[in-house]
């Protein structure tokens, strides 16, 4: 099963240059709800002192005006990356009064759909488009699930690795074609083995009753305010989170066989009319309710635990960027916010994820057929809802296997990978992380999800009180940090220019909003955007 993987790891250990992975780049996107001191979602606008959510390079908003998103640049060292994420959140706290950043993925104290304010990005066509897209998401799926927070792990291999790997594979394709094909092979493996992430790092085993707002559920009652599954790991990744249930019914089938098929399948979804969405309404007078009545308004509406990415200007469609320049990095999207870390993620997790990505890259990766796709979906849901259940079984290409045995086999193969990644270092952070998380395979009580539920029982508190307590602890942690003058000025220096950049975009619009949308979606036909003077 792992013969070729073992051969590739052995080759890396014996023949690869010492600096093969030093150019790997990692970035993070961490979402956090702004809440009042009572844990209710904030109704205040995005703080102006933080700059423009439209154009700020590292502090923006996601679905809601209250859902902050911290975006780091790519780093070559995990220590520097974690320091940036920490300091960015400390800076935000210095600009907030009487508000907290919610410490968990699942929100609390929601007073229905109307209590969730849509993110606003100004009067430009681009800003209107971003807000309209979010209004459409709420119309199609409901606003409540859109304020679930997560952490995204962005990763790219070094040029040195790609040169070595292409030579070892005796591949003569154009370099970017080889890189894109290789990333898609890795993406397919991440889908196959991705159930391991919510098992190890899932931190949303329970929800506030306010999240369901009276909807029927088979979840059990934890206390008067909390619902849960006894062996859940990540309800965020289960069927109460933002998955593609409605999209499955509409017939969307996104292919990960290769870049070309991926682009074609997404293009089909963003350009194919879907009558049930037409019935929801596209406009109410001059006000757009959604961008269109297609299967997907835009590509990002399709939920996936991992995405191929190519950065580009704000006016460029993702499929256009991928078609033009191929895959530059991958975005892993299945991480819950870790309530036990003020930053939302630990440095050990970064080391493990980098090794896991390399495991997925080096392991052979056939195309995923319909049967395997059904197994992948069921494995994720089973782990999300019941992953810590003793003796739980998953499906692996038609065969039933125990989660513990499957996970142990993966960890065994990752040992050599971690040795490769630790080579040339004075310490062994990758092997240390692997050893740390191996304990969670042997003992599910060591997982964050189990730890949360056990702590809630010991303290006699529901999910709301647990989350509020952790949020208050993180509040104290960040407010006690004293950023250096240079660091404070560094973050200050991005706020005002971002407001000026937004004003410039607004001043340079040359199209009305209807024409802007028409031209935007014509990019799929190879046309350029006449967005500015």
Protein backbone atom coordinates (compact mmCIF):
# COMPACT_ATOMS: atom_id res chain seq x y z
CA UNK A 1 0.00 0.00 0.00
CA UNK A 2 2.80 2.40 0.85
CA UNK A 3 5.62 0.90 -1.25
CA UNK A 4 6.17 3.87 -3.57
CA UNK A 5 5.83 6.30 -0.65
CA UNK A 6 8.54 4.42 1.25
CA UNK A 7 10.80 4.48 -1.82
CA UNK A 8 10.36 8.24 -2.21
CA UNK A 9 11.05 8.89 1.47
CA UNK A 10 14.16 6.69 1.32
CA UNK A 11 15.36 8.65 -1.71
CA UNK A 12 14.80 11.94 0.11
CA UNK A 13 16.81 10.70 3.08
CA UNK A 14 19.74 9.51 0.95
CA UNK A 15 19.88 11.78 -2.10
CA UNK A 16 18.03 15.05 -1.59
CA UNK A 17 19.89 18.31 -0.80
CA UNK A 18 19.83 19.51 2.81
CA UNK A 19 17.99 22.72 1.88
CA UNK A 20 15.21 21.02 -0.07
CA UNK A 21 12.44 22.19 2.28
CA UNK A 22 13.87 25.41 3.70
CA UNK A 23 12.00 27.38 1.05
CA UNK A 24 8.59 25.89 1.92
CA UNK A 25 6.12 28.66 2.70
CA UNK A 26 3.24 28.60 5.17
CA UNK A 27 0.55 31.20 5.79
CA UNK A 28 -2.51 31.22 8.02
CA UNK A 29 -6.02 32.68 7.87
CA UNK A 30 -7.73 32.69 11.25
CA UNK A 31 -11.34 33.75 11.75
CA UNK A 32 -12.75 35.10 15.02
CA UNK A 33 -16.14 36.54 15.86
CA UNK A 34 -16.20 39.89 17.60
CA UNK A 35 -18.60 39.60 20.51
CA UNK A 36 -19.76 41.73 23.37
CA UNK A 37 -18.65 41.02 26.91
CA UNK A 38 -21.74 38.82 27.27
CA UNK A 39 -20.77 36.70 24.27
CA UNK A 40 -23.43 38.10 21.92
CA UNK A 41 -22.32 38.72 18.35
CA UNK A 42 -21.21 42.34 17.95
CA UNK A 43 -23.54 44.69 16.09
CA UNK A 44 -20.90 47.40 15.79
CA UNK A 45 -19.22 48.07 12.43
CA UNK A 46 -15.72 46.90 11.61
CA UNK A 47 -13.48 49.25 13.66
CA UNK A 48 -12.22 52.07 11.43
CA UNK A 49 -8.92 52.07 13.33
CA UNK A 50 -8.24 48.67 11.73
CA UNK A 51 -8.43 50.15 8.25
CA UNK A 52 -10.44 48.93 5.28
CA UNK A 53 -11.73 45.36 5.31
CA UNK A 54 -11.69 45.54 1.51
CA UNK A 55 -8.02 46.37 1.02
CA UNK A 56 -6.12 45.72 4.27
CA UNK A 57 -3.48 43.05 3.64
CA UNK A 58 -3.90 41.16 6.92
CA UNK A 59 -7.04 42.30 8.79
CA UNK A 60 -10.35 41.81 7.01
CA UNK A 61 -13.80 40.32 7.55
CA UNK A 62 -15.41 37.13 6.29
CA UNK A 63 -19.18 36.66 6.06
CA UNK A 64 -20.23 39.05 8.77
CA UNK A 65 -19.14 42.53 9.77
CA UNK A 66 -18.43 40.89 13.12
CA UNK A 67 -16.40 37.96 11.74
CA UNK A 68 -12.80 39.13 11.71
CA UNK A 69 -10.22 37.34 9.59
CA UNK A 70 -6.49 37.55 10.23
CA UNK A 71 -4.41 36.81 7.13
CA UNK A 72 -0.68 36.33 7.49
CA UNK A 73 1.80 36.62 4.62
CA UNK A 74 3.63 33.37 3.77
CA UNK A 75 6.57 32.61 6.06
CA UNK A 76 9.51 30.23 5.79
CA UNK A 77 9.65 29.68 9.55
CA UNK A 78 6.85 28.63 11.92
CA UNK A 79 8.16 30.71 14.81
CA UNK A 80 7.98 33.93 12.77
CA UNK A 81 4.55 32.98 11.43
CA UNK A 82 3.13 32.39 14.90
CA UNK A 83 4.63 35.66 16.17
CA UNK A 84 2.94 37.55 13.32
CA UNK A 85 -0.46 35.96 13.99
CA UNK A 86 -0.10 36.64 17.73
CA UNK A 87 0.94 40.27 17.28
CA UNK A 88 -1.74 40.96 14.70
CA UNK A 89 -4.44 39.84 17.14
CA UNK A 90 -2.82 41.83 19.95
CA UNK A 91 -2.94 44.91 17.72
CA UNK A 92 -6.65 44.36 17.04
CA UNK A 93 -7.35 44.07 20.76
CA UNK A 94 -5.63 47.43 21.26
CA UNK A 95 -8.26 48.96 18.96
CA UNK A 96 -11.34 47.34 20.53
CA UNK A 97 -13.33 48.54 23.53
CA UNK A 98 -15.65 46.31 25.53
CA UNK A 99 -15.48 43.49 22.98
CA UNK A 100 -13.84 40.08 22.84
CA UNK A 101 -12.66 37.72 20.13
CA UNK A 102 -14.67 34.52 20.49
CA UNK A 103 -12.37 31.60 21.35
CA UNK A 104 -14.18 28.77 19.56
CA UNK A 105 -15.33 27.89 16.05
CA UNK A 106 -19.02 27.61 16.92
CA UNK A 107 -20.79 30.86 17.86
CA UNK A 108 -23.12 31.41 20.80
CA UNK A 109 -26.00 33.66 21.79
CA UNK A 110 -27.42 34.15 18.31
CA UNK A 111 -30.83 35.80 18.17
CA UNK A 112 -31.71 34.43 14.74
CA UNK A 113 -30.72 35.46 11.23
CA UNK A 114 -31.39 39.16 11.78
CA UNK A 115 -28.79 39.36 14.53
CA UNK A 116 -25.96 38.64 12.08
CA UNK A 117 -24.81 41.76 10.21
CA UNK A 118 -23.44 41.28 6.68
CA UNK A 119 -19.89 42.41 6.03
CA UNK A 120 -19.67 45.80 4.30
CA UNK A 121 -16.89 46.84 1.96
CA UNK A 122 -17.82 50.31 0.77
CA UNK A 123 -19.51 51.76 -2.30
CA UNK A 124 -17.23 50.43 -5.05
CA UNK A 125 -18.45 47.78 -7.45
CA UNK A 126 -15.99 45.35 -5.92
CA UNK A 127 -17.23 46.15 -2.42
CA UNK A 128 -20.88 45.80 -3.47
CA UNK A 129 -20.10 42.47 -5.11
CA UNK A 130 -18.52 41.08 -1.94
CA UNK A 131 -21.50 42.13 0.19
CA UNK A 132 -24.03 40.87 -2.36
CA UNK A 133 -22.29 37.51 -2.53
CA UNK A 134 -22.62 37.19 1.23
CA UNK A 135 -26.28 38.23 1.10
CA UNK A 136 -26.77 35.44 -1.43
CA UNK A 137 -25.09 32.89 0.83
CA UNK A 138 -27.49 33.82 3.60
CA UNK A 139 -30.44 33.53 1.24
CA UNK A 140 -29.37 30.10 0.00
CA UNK A 141 -28.08 28.46 3.16
CA UNK A 142 -29.02 30.70 6.08
CA UNK A 143 -26.82 33.23 7.85
CA UNK A 144 -26.21 31.28 11.05
CA UNK A 145 -23.88 28.66 9.59
CA UNK A 146 -21.87 31.38 7.85
CA UNK A 147 -20.49 32.71 11.14
CA UNK A 148 -18.77 29.45 12.06
CA UNK A 149 -15.06 30.28 12.35
CA UNK A 150 -12.07 28.21 11.26
CA UNK A 151 -8.36 28.29 10.56
CA UNK A 152 -6.96 27.88 7.04
CA UNK A 153 -3.44 26.55 6.46
CA UNK A 154 -1.83 27.79 3.23
CA UNK A 155 1.16 25.84 1.97
CA UNK A 156 3.59 25.81 -0.96
CA UNK A 157 6.67 23.68 -1.58
CA UNK A 158 10.06 25.23 -2.29
CA UNK A 159 11.46 25.57 -5.81
CA UNK A 160 14.30 23.30 -4.69
CA UNK A 161 11.81 20.57 -3.82
CA UNK A 162 10.02 20.85 -7.16
CA UNK A 163 13.29 20.68 -9.11
CA UNK A 164 14.38 17.60 -7.15
CA UNK A 165 10.98 15.88 -7.30
CA UNK A 166 10.48 16.44 -11.03
CA UNK A 167 13.95 15.06 -11.72
CA UNK A 168 13.34 12.03 -9.48
CA UNK A 169 10.05 11.35 -11.26
CA UNK A 170 11.85 11.63 -14.63
CA UNK A 171 9.14 14.03 -15.73
CA UNK A 172 9.80 16.23 -18.78
CA UNK A 173 6.65 18.38 -18.70
CA UNK A 174 6.79 22.16 -18.44
CA UNK A 175 7.59 22.95 -14.80
CA UNK A 176 4.33 24.69 -13.89
CA UNK A 177 2.28 21.90 -15.49
CA UNK A 178 4.15 19.35 -13.36
CA UNK A 179 3.66 21.46 -10.22
CA UNK A 180 -0.09 21.88 -10.81
CA UNK A 181 -0.55 18.15 -11.55
CA UNK A 182 1.43 17.26 -8.43
CA UNK A 183 -0.63 19.57 -6.24
CA UNK A 184 -3.82 17.94 -7.53
CA UNK A 185 -2.44 14.52 -6.65
CA UNK A 186 -1.75 15.84 -3.16
CA UNK A 187 -5.24 17.38 -2.93
CA UNK A 188 -6.87 14.04 -3.76
CA UNK A 189 -4.86 12.35 -1.02
CA UNK A 190 -5.76 15.06 1.44
CA UNK A 191 -9.41 14.30 0.70
CA UNK A 192 -8.77 10.57 1.26
CA UNK A 193 -6.92 11.00 4.53
CA UNK A 194 -8.44 14.32 5.59
CA UNK A 195 -10.67 12.68 8.21
CA UNK A 196 -7.53 12.58 10.36
CA UNK A 197 -7.57 16.39 10.79
CA UNK A 198 -10.94 16.71 12.58
CA UNK A 199 -10.06 13.66 14.68
CA UNK A 200 -6.75 15.13 15.86
CA UNK A 201 -7.64 18.82 15.98
CA UNK A 202 -11.43 19.01 16.05
CA UNK A 203 -12.53 21.40 18.80
CA UNK A 204 -16.27 21.78 18.27
CA UNK A 205 -18.00 18.77 19.88
CA UNK A 206 -20.91 20.83 21.22
CA UNK A 207 -23.05 23.83 20.24
CA UNK A 208 -25.26 26.39 21.90
CA UNK A 209 -28.96 25.73 21.49
CA UNK A 210 -29.18 29.24 20.03
CA UNK A 211 -27.20 28.04 17.02
CA UNK A 212 -30.05 25.75 15.94
CA UNK A 213 -32.73 28.33 16.79
CA UNK A 214 -35.39 25.73 17.48
CA UNK A 215 -34.60 23.39 14.58
CA UNK A 216 -35.08 19.67 15.18
CA UNK A 217 -31.92 17.68 15.81
CA UNK A 218 -30.81 14.24 16.97
CA UNK A 219 -28.08 15.74 19.14
CA UNK A 220 -28.20 14.94 22.83
CA UNK A 221 -28.79 17.47 25.61
CA UNK A 222 -25.65 18.34 27.57
CA UNK A 223 -27.37 20.92 29.76
CA UNK A 224 -30.07 23.59 29.46
CA UNK A 225 -28.00 25.63 26.97
CA UNK A 226 -25.94 23.02 25.11
CA UNK A 227 -26.39 20.21 22.59
CA UNK A 228 -23.71 17.71 21.63
CA UNK A 229 -22.78 14.27 20.36
CA UNK A 230 -20.94 12.29 23.06
CA UNK A 231 -18.09 11.25 20.75
CA UNK A 232 -18.07 14.25 18.39
CA UNK A 233 -14.84 15.89 17.29
CA UNK A 234 -15.80 18.72 14.92
CA UNK A 235 -19.46 19.58 14.43
CA UNK A 236 -18.17 22.37 12.19
CA UNK A 237 -17.12 19.68 9.70
CA UNK A 238 -20.35 17.70 10.13
CA UNK A 239 -23.73 18.15 8.55
CA UNK A 240 -24.66 21.08 10.79
CA UNK A 241 -21.66 23.03 9.44
CA UNK A 242 -21.14 24.66 6.08
CA UNK A 243 -21.13 21.68 3.76
CA UNK A 244 -22.50 21.16 0.25
CA UNK A 245 -25.75 19.28 0.96
CA UNK A 246 -27.84 21.62 -1.17
CA UNK A 247 -25.16 21.78 -3.82
CA UNK A 248 -25.09 17.98 -4.01
CA UNK A 249 -28.83 18.00 -4.72
CA UNK A 250 -28.33 20.58 -7.45
CA UNK A 251 -25.94 18.29 -9.30
CA UNK A 252 -22.62 20.06 -8.75
CA UNK A 253 -19.71 17.70 -9.34
CA UNK A 254 -16.31 19.36 -9.03
CA UNK A 255 -13.52 17.25 -10.49
CA UNK A 256 -10.09 17.00 -8.88
CA UNK A 257 -8.66 14.75 -11.59
CA UNK A 258 -6.49 17.57 -12.93
CA UNK A 259 -6.37 21.35 -13.20
CA UNK A 260 -8.20 21.50 -16.53
CA UNK A 261 -11.13 19.37 -15.33
CA UNK A 262 -11.28 21.31 -12.06
CA UNK A 263 -11.53 24.63 -13.90
CA UNK A 264 -14.10 23.27 -16.34
CA UNK A 265 -16.32 21.82 -13.61
CA UNK A 266 -16.25 25.03 -11.56
CA UNK A 267 -16.90 27.11 -14.68
CA UNK A 268 -19.94 24.96 -15.36
CA UNK A 269 -21.24 25.54 -11.83
CA UNK A 270 -20.79 29.35 -11.91
CA UNK A 271 -22.44 29.65 -15.34
CA UNK A 272 -25.35 27.16 -15.10
CA UNK A 273 -28.77 28.49 -14.17
CA UNK A 274 -30.56 26.77 -11.27
CA UNK A 275 -34.35 27.43 -11.10
CA UNK A 276 -34.72 26.93 -7.30
CA UNK A 277 -32.30 29.82 -6.75
CA UNK A 278 -34.20 31.89 -9.31
CA UNK A 279 -37.31 31.45 -7.15
CA UNK A 280 -35.46 32.99 -4.18
CA UNK A 281 -35.17 36.22 -6.17
CA UNK A 282 -32.15 37.96 -7.64
CA UNK A 283 -33.17 41.57 -7.04
CA UNK A 284 -35.51 43.55 -4.88
CA UNK A 285 -35.79 46.78 -6.86
CA UNK A 286 -32.26 48.15 -7.23
CA UNK A 287 -30.95 45.94 -4.44
CA UNK A 288 -29.33 42.65 -5.38
CA UNK A 289 -30.32 39.69 -3.20
CA UNK A 290 -27.67 37.44 -4.77
CA UNK A 291 -25.18 37.81 -7.60
CA UNK A 292 -27.08 35.45 -9.89
CA UNK A 293 -29.28 32.35 -9.89
CA UNK A 294 -26.55 29.94 -10.96
CA UNK A 295 -25.50 26.73 -9.21
CA UNK A 296 -22.72 28.77 -7.61
CA UNK A 297 -22.64 32.56 -7.47
CA UNK A 298 -18.84 32.44 -7.62
CA UNK A 299 -16.28 29.65 -7.21
CA UNK A 300 -15.67 30.24 -3.50
CA UNK A 301 -19.26 29.23 -2.73
CA UNK A 302 -18.25 25.62 -3.31
CA UNK A 303 -17.11 24.26 0.04
CA UNK A 304 -14.05 22.02 0.00
CA UNK A 305 -11.69 20.98 2.76
CA UNK A 306 -8.75 21.83 0.45
CA UNK A 307 -8.46 24.23 -2.49
CA UNK A 308 -5.85 24.87 -5.17
CA UNK A 309 -4.95 28.56 -5.15
CA UNK A 310 -3.27 31.13 -7.37
CA UNK A 311 -3.15 34.70 -6.01
CA UNK A 312 -4.16 37.56 -8.23
CA UNK A 313 -5.78 41.00 -8.29
CA UNK A 314 -9.14 41.43 -6.60
CA UNK A 315 -10.98 41.74 -9.92
CA UNK A 316 -9.67 38.41 -11.26
CA UNK A 317 -11.83 35.29 -11.01
CA UNK A 318 -10.08 32.36 -9.27
CA UNK A 319 -10.59 30.09 -12.29
CA UNK A 320 -9.03 32.76 -14.50
CA UNK A 321 -5.96 32.95 -12.26
CA UNK A 322 -5.60 29.16 -12.20
CA UNK A 323 -6.03 28.87 -15.96
CA UNK A 324 -3.45 31.60 -16.59
CA UNK A 325 -0.76 30.70 -14.07
CA UNK A 326 -1.50 27.27 -12.58
CA UNK A 327 -1.49 26.31 -8.89
CA UNK A 328 0.85 28.25 -6.60
CA UNK A 329 -0.23 26.89 -3.23
CA UNK A 330 -2.92 24.84 -1.49
CA UNK A 331 -5.33 25.95 1.20
CA UNK A 332 -6.32 23.41 3.87
CA UNK A 333 -9.62 24.50 5.41
CA UNK A 334 -10.62 21.80 7.90
CA UNK A 335 -9.04 23.15 11.11
CA UNK A 336 -11.23 24.26 14.00
CA UNK A 337 -10.20 27.22 16.12
CA UNK A 338 -8.36 25.74 19.09
CA UNK A 339 -9.87 27.22 22.26
CA UNK A 340 -6.78 26.20 24.23
CA UNK A 341 -4.49 28.45 22.18
CA UNK A 342 -4.95 32.25 22.28
CA UNK A 343 -3.84 32.42 18.64
CA UNK A 344 -6.28 29.65 17.67
CA UNK A 345 -3.59 27.20 16.56
CA UNK A 346 -0.34 25.87 18.01
CA UNK A 347 3.13 25.78 16.49
CA UNK A 348 3.22 21.99 16.93
CA UNK A 349 0.14 21.77 14.71
CA UNK A 350 2.00 23.61 11.94
CA UNK A 351 4.87 21.12 12.07
CA UNK A 352 2.47 18.20 11.91
CA UNK A 353 0.49 19.68 9.02
CA UNK A 354 3.60 20.30 6.96
CA UNK A 355 4.61 16.66 7.42
CA UNK A 356 1.06 15.53 6.61
CA UNK A 357 1.06 17.58 3.41
CA UNK A 358 4.32 15.93 2.36
CA UNK A 359 2.82 12.50 3.17
CA UNK A 360 -0.08 13.32 0.85
CA UNK A 361 2.29 14.61 -1.83
CA UNK A 362 4.58 11.59 -1.86
CA UNK A 363 1.86 8.94 -1.65
CA UNK A 364 0.50 7.70 -5.03
CA UNK A 365 -2.85 9.27 -5.88
CA UNK A 366 -5.30 7.80 -8.39
CA UNK A 367 -8.40 9.63 -9.54
CA UNK A 368 -11.33 9.49 -7.11
CA UNK A 369 -14.36 7.63 -8.47
CA UNK A 370 -17.94 8.07 -7.29
CA UNK A 371 -17.80 5.22 -4.79
CA UNK A 372 -14.64 6.55 -3.18
CA UNK A 373 -16.11 10.06 -3.12
CA UNK A 374 -19.10 8.74 -1.17
CA UNK A 375 -16.72 7.00 1.24
CA UNK A 376 -14.69 10.20 1.71
CA UNK A 377 -17.81 12.19 2.54
CA UNK A 378 -19.10 9.55 4.95
CA UNK A 379 -15.71 9.21 6.69
CA UNK A 380 -15.59 12.95 7.35
CA UNK A 381 -19.14 13.01 8.71
CA UNK A 382 -18.59 9.90 10.85
CA UNK A 383 -15.42 11.32 12.38
CA UNK A 384 -17.01 14.74 12.87
CA UNK A 385 -20.02 13.31 14.72
CA UNK A 386 -18.63 10.13 16.25
CA UNK A 387 -14.85 10.07 15.78
CA UNK A 388 -13.94 9.22 19.38
CA UNK A 389 -16.35 6.29 19.61
CA UNK A 390 -14.48 3.13 20.72
CA UNK A 391 -13.83 0.84 17.77
CA UNK A 392 -15.14 3.26 15.14
CA UNK A 393 -14.74 1.94 11.57
CA UNK A 394 -14.13 3.90 8.37
CA UNK A 395 -14.25 2.91 4.70
CA UNK A 396 -11.05 2.67 2.64
CA UNK A 397 -11.73 1.82 -1.03
CA UNK A 398 -14.48 -0.65 -0.30
CA UNK A 399 -12.95 -2.14 2.84
CA UNK A 400 -13.95 -1.42 6.42
CA UNK A 401 -10.99 -0.50 8.63
CA UNK A 402 -10.66 0.76 12.18
CA UNK A 403 -9.83 4.43 12.55
CA UNK A 404 -7.10 3.60 15.05
CA UNK A 405 -5.38 1.09 12.73
CA UNK A 406 -5.60 3.38 9.70
CA UNK A 407 -4.31 6.38 11.63
CA UNK A 408 -1.46 4.33 13.14
CA UNK A 409 -0.38 3.24 9.66
CA UNK A 410 -0.32 6.87 8.49
CA UNK A 411 1.72 7.93 11.52
CA UNK A 412 4.17 5.09 10.96
CA UNK A 413 4.79 6.31 7.39
CA UNK A 414 5.07 9.92 8.55
CA UNK A 415 7.97 9.01 10.84
CA UNK A 416 10.45 8.91 7.92
CA UNK A 417 8.97 12.09 6.50
CA UNK A 418 9.51 13.88 9.81
CA UNK A 419 13.10 12.62 9.88
CA UNK A 420 13.61 14.18 6.44
CA UNK A 421 12.09 17.48 7.57
CA UNK A 422 14.17 17.52 10.78
CA UNK A 423 17.43 16.88 8.92
CA UNK A 424 20.03 19.57 9.52
CA UNK A 425 18.20 21.04 12.53
CA UNK A 426 19.58 21.28 16.05
CA UNK A 427 16.23 19.99 17.34
CA UNK A 428 13.53 17.68 15.95
CA UNK A 429 10.25 19.65 15.99
CA UNK A 430 8.56 17.51 13.32
CA UNK A 431 9.25 14.22 15.11
CA UNK A 432 8.26 15.81 18.42
CA UNK A 433 4.93 16.93 16.98
CA UNK A 434 4.32 13.47 15.50
CA UNK A 435 5.02 11.85 18.87
CA UNK A 436 2.74 14.32 20.65
CA UNK A 437 -0.22 13.69 18.35
CA UNK A 438 0.35 9.93 18.21
CA UNK A 439 -0.90 9.96 21.81
CA UNK A 440 -4.28 11.13 20.50
CA UNK A 441 -4.52 8.02 18.35
CA UNK A 442 -3.89 5.76 21.32
CA UNK A 443 -6.13 7.75 23.68
CA UNK A 444 -9.03 9.75 22.27
CA UNK A 445 -9.39 11.53 25.63
CA UNK A 446 -6.21 13.43 24.69
CA UNK A 447 -7.98 15.17 21.77
CA UNK A 448 -9.17 18.79 22.15
CA UNK A 449 -12.80 17.74 21.63
CA UNK A 450 -12.68 15.27 24.52
CA UNK A 451 -10.76 17.72 26.67
CA UNK A 452 -13.44 20.38 26.12
CA UNK A 453 -16.33 18.10 27.06
CA UNK A 454 -14.51 16.75 30.11
CA UNK A 455 -13.68 20.27 31.29
CA UNK A 456 -17.27 21.38 30.78
CA UNK A 457 -18.48 18.46 32.93
CA UNK A 458 -15.92 19.10 35.65
CA UNK A 459 -16.83 22.80 35.82
CA UNK A 460 -20.57 22.25 35.49
CA UNK A 461 -20.70 24.64 32.54
CA UNK A 462 -22.29 24.53 29.10
CA UNK A 463 -20.61 25.36 25.82
CA UNK A 464 -21.49 29.06 26.14
CA UNK A 465 -19.89 29.44 29.57
CA UNK A 466 -16.85 27.42 28.55
CA UNK A 467 -16.36 29.53 25.40
CA UNK A 468 -16.93 32.82 27.22
CA UNK A 469 -14.43 31.84 29.90
CA UNK A 470 -11.78 30.94 27.31
CA UNK A 471 -12.50 34.16 25.40
CA UNK A 472 -11.98 36.19 28.56
CA UNK A 473 -8.71 34.36 29.25
CA UNK A 474 -7.48 35.14 25.73
CA UNK A 475 -8.59 38.73 26.16
CA UNK A 476 -6.39 39.03 29.23
CA UNK A 477 -3.50 37.33 27.42
CA UNK A 478 -3.54 39.68 24.43
CA UNK A 479 -4.13 42.83 26.44
CA UNK A 480 -1.18 41.94 28.65
CA UNK A 481 1.14 41.71 25.65
CA UNK A 482 3.21 44.82 25.07
CA UNK A 483 4.02 45.18 21.39
CA UNK A 484 7.25 46.97 20.69
CA UNK A 485 6.98 50.49 19.29
CA UNK A 486 8.24 49.19 15.94
CA UNK A 487 5.69 46.35 15.86
CA UNK A 488 2.81 48.61 16.81
CA UNK A 489 3.85 51.08 14.11
CA UNK A 490 4.14 48.26 11.59
CA UNK A 491 0.47 47.34 12.00
CA UNK A 492 -0.59 50.99 12.33
CA UNK A 493 1.12 51.73 9.02
CA UNK A 494 -1.24 49.43 7.11
CA UNK A 495 -4.53 50.87 8.35
CA UNK A 496 -4.62 54.37 6.85
CA UNK A 497 -3.19 53.33 3.45
CA UNK A 498 -5.86 50.63 3.21
CA UNK A 499 -8.58 53.27 3.65
CA UNK A 500 -6.94 55.36 0.93
CA UNK A 501 -6.75 52.30 -1.33
CA UNK A 502 -10.48 51.67 -0.86
CA UNK A 503 -11.27 55.31 -1.68
CA UNK A 504 -9.15 55.04 -4.84
CA UNK A 505 -11.05 51.97 -6.01
CA UNK A 506 -14.34 53.75 -5.37
CA UNK A 507 -13.20 56.84 -7.28
CA UNK A 508 -11.97 54.85 -10.28
CA UNK A 509 -15.10 52.79 -10.98
CA UNK A 510 -16.15 53.29 -14.62
CA UNK A 511 -19.11 50.89 -14.79
CA UNK A 512 -22.49 50.71 -13.13
CA UNK A 513 -22.94 47.60 -10.97
CA UNK A 514 -25.00 45.69 -13.55
CA UNK A 515 -22.32 46.17 -16.21
CA UNK A 516 -19.57 45.39 -13.71
CA UNK A 517 -21.08 41.99 -12.95
CA UNK A 518 -21.58 41.27 -16.66
CA UNK A 519 -17.92 42.02 -17.40
CA UNK A 520 -16.71 40.16 -14.31
CA UNK A 521 -18.33 36.90 -15.34
CA UNK A 522 -17.18 37.29 -18.94
CA UNK A 523 -13.66 36.56 -17.68
CA UNK A 524 -14.50 32.89 -18.07
CA UNK A 525 -14.61 33.60 -21.81
CA UNK A 526 -11.16 35.16 -21.74
CA UNK A 527 -12.25 38.83 -21.59
CA UNK A 528 -10.53 41.38 -19.34
CA UNK A 529 -12.16 43.57 -16.70
CA UNK A 530 -12.48 47.30 -17.61
CA UNK A 531 -12.76 48.08 -13.92
CA UNK A 532 -10.93 51.41 -13.63
CA UNK A 533 -10.03 54.60 -15.47
